[in-house]
Amino acid sequence: MEAAIMTLFPFQINEVMHLYNRVSKLKPSAILEKEQGEPQDIVLISPEAKKKQILEQAKSEVLERIRK
């Protein structure tokens, strides 16, 4: 398995802290009400990406079985 390296910048951490502070003050029922009214995000995966994903999953499962 490959490990992904991600760089975080101070402004990103600051934005997350502000978001957490705003969300933590909301009641759970208010969050649910807002989510129901908003359109849902849609993610489309190309056929090539699906094929690559399936091959990577099969490869990792085979390697896991070999190691056992």
C-alpha atoms as a PDB file:
ATOM      1  CA  MET A   1       0.000   0.000   0.000  1.00  0.00           C
ATOM      2  CA  GLU A   2       1.178   3.481  -0.781  1.00  0.00           C
ATOM      3  CA  ALA A   3       1.046   6.188   1.828  1.00  0.00           C
ATOM      4  CA  ALA A   4      -0.261   9.560   0.767  1.00  0.00           C
ATOM      5  CA  ILE A   5       1.615  12.606   1.933  1.00  0.00           C
ATOM      6  CA  MET A   6      -0.404  15.727   2.529  1.00  0.00           C
ATOM      7  CA  THR A   7       0.910  19.154   3.376  1.00  0.00           C
ATOM      8  CA  LEU A   8      -1.169  21.387   5.611  1.00  0.00           C
ATOM      9  CA  PHE A   9      -0.680  25.116   5.683  1.00  0.00           C
ATOM     10  CA  PRO A  10      -1.409  27.311   8.715  1.00  0.00           C
ATOM     11  CA  PHE A  11      -4.322  29.051   6.994  1.00  0.00           C
ATOM     12  CA  GLN A  12      -5.970  25.667   6.345  1.00  0.00           C
ATOM     13  CA  ILE A  13      -5.707  24.724  10.006  1.00  0.00           C
ATOM     14  CA  ASN A  14      -7.117  28.114  10.941  1.00  0.00           C
ATOM     15  CA  GLU A  15     -10.093  27.640   8.575  1.00  0.00           C
ATOM     16  CA  VAL A  16     -10.828  24.218  10.044  1.00  0.00           C
ATOM     17  CA  MET A  17     -10.711  25.622  13.564  1.00  0.00           C
ATOM     18  CA  HIS A  18     -13.198  28.358  12.636  1.00  0.00           C
ATOM     19  CA  LEU A  19     -15.488  25.825  10.954  1.00  0.00           C
ATOM     20  CA  TYR A  20     -15.333  23.512  13.974  1.00  0.00           C
ATOM     21  CA  ASN A  21     -16.161  26.387  16.319  1.00  0.00           C
ATOM     22  CA  ARG A  22     -19.200  27.371  14.215  1.00  0.00           C
ATOM     23  CA  VAL A  23     -20.489  23.799  13.828  1.00  0.00           C
ATOM     24  CA  SER A  24     -19.920  22.847  17.458  1.00  0.00           C
ATOM     25  CA  LYS A  25     -22.309  25.630  18.526  1.00  0.00           C
ATOM     26  CA  LEU A  26     -25.155  24.340  16.326  1.00  0.00           C
ATOM     27  CA  LYS A  27     -27.791  21.930  17.547  1.00  0.00           C
ATOM     28  CA  PRO A  28     -27.781  18.565  15.725  1.00  0.00           C
ATOM     29  CA  SER A  29     -31.395  19.101  14.624  1.00  0.00           C
ATOM     30  CA  ALA A  30     -30.424  22.393  12.934  1.00  0.00           C
ATOM     31  CA  ILE A  31     -27.663  20.661  10.992  1.00  0.00           C
ATOM     32  CA  LEU A  32     -30.055  17.939   9.791  1.00  0.00           C
ATOM     33  CA  GLU A  33     -32.634  20.500   8.671  1.00  0.00           C
ATOM     34  CA  LYS A  34     -30.036  22.378   6.624  1.00  0.00           C
ATOM     35  CA  GLU A  35     -28.732  19.182   4.991  1.00  0.00           C
ATOM     36  CA  GLN A  36     -32.170  18.106   3.810  1.00  0.00           C
ATOM     37  CA  GLY A  37     -32.799  21.367   1.957  1.00  0.00           C
ATOM     38  CA  GLU A  38     -29.437  21.568   0.215  1.00  0.00           C
ATOM     39  CA  PRO A  39     -28.634  19.763  -3.036  1.00  0.00           C
ATOM     40  CA  GLN A  40     -26.438  16.695  -2.683  1.00  0.00           C
ATOM     41  CA  ASP A  41     -22.948  16.561  -4.154  1.00  0.00           C
ATOM     42  CA  ILE A  42     -22.510  14.123  -7.021  1.00  0.00           C
ATOM     43  CA  VAL A  43     -19.210  12.461  -7.822  1.00  0.00           C
ATOM     44  CA  LEU A  44     -18.762  10.766 -11.176  1.00  0.00           C
ATOM     45  CA  ILE A  45     -15.943   8.280 -11.647  1.00  0.00           C
ATOM     46  CA  SER A  46     -14.723   7.601 -15.171  1.00  0.00           C
ATOM     47  CA  PRO A  47     -14.687   4.011 -16.450  1.00  0.00           C
ATOM     48  CA  GLU A  48     -10.874   4.127 -16.510  1.00  0.00           C
ATOM     49  CA  ALA A  49     -10.768   5.203 -12.864  1.00  0.00           C
ATOM     50  CA  LYS A  50     -13.227   2.448 -11.893  1.00  0.00           C
ATOM     51  CA  LYS A  51     -11.075  -0.118 -13.691  1.00  0.00           C
ATOM     52  CA  LYS A  52      -7.935   1.162 -11.953  1.00  0.00           C
ATOM     53  CA  GLN A  53      -9.711   1.117  -8.584  1.00  0.00           C
ATOM     54  CA  ILE A  54     -10.880  -2.493  -9.085  1.00  0.00           C
ATOM     55  CA  LEU A  55      -7.406  -3.614 -10.187  1.00  0.00           C
ATOM     56  CA  GLU A  56      -5.760  -1.924  -7.189  1.00  0.00           C
ATOM     57  CA  GLN A  57      -8.278  -3.499  -4.815  1.00  0.00           C
ATOM     58  CA  ALA A  58      -7.766  -6.951  -6.355  1.00  0.00           C
ATOM     59  CA  LYS A  59      -3.983  -6.518  -6.168  1.00  0.00           C
ATOM     60  CA  SER A  60      -4.093  -5.554  -2.490  1.00  0.00           C
ATOM     61  CA  GLU A  61      -6.414  -8.471  -1.669  1.00  0.00           C
ATOM     62  CA  VAL A  62      -4.149 -10.953  -3.464  1.00  0.00           C
ATOM     63  CA  LEU A  63      -1.047  -9.598  -1.703  1.00  0.00           C
ATOM     64  CA  GLU A  64      -2.855  -9.819   1.645  1.00  0.00           C
ATOM     65  CA  ARG A  65      -3.771 -13.464   1.010  1.00  0.00           C
ATOM     66  CA  ILE A  66      -0.195 -14.267  -0.038  1.00  0.00           C
ATOM     67  CA  ARG A  67       1.175 -12.720   3.139  1.00  0.00           C
ATOM     68  CA  LYS A  68      -1.155 -14.856   5.268  1.00  0.00           C
END
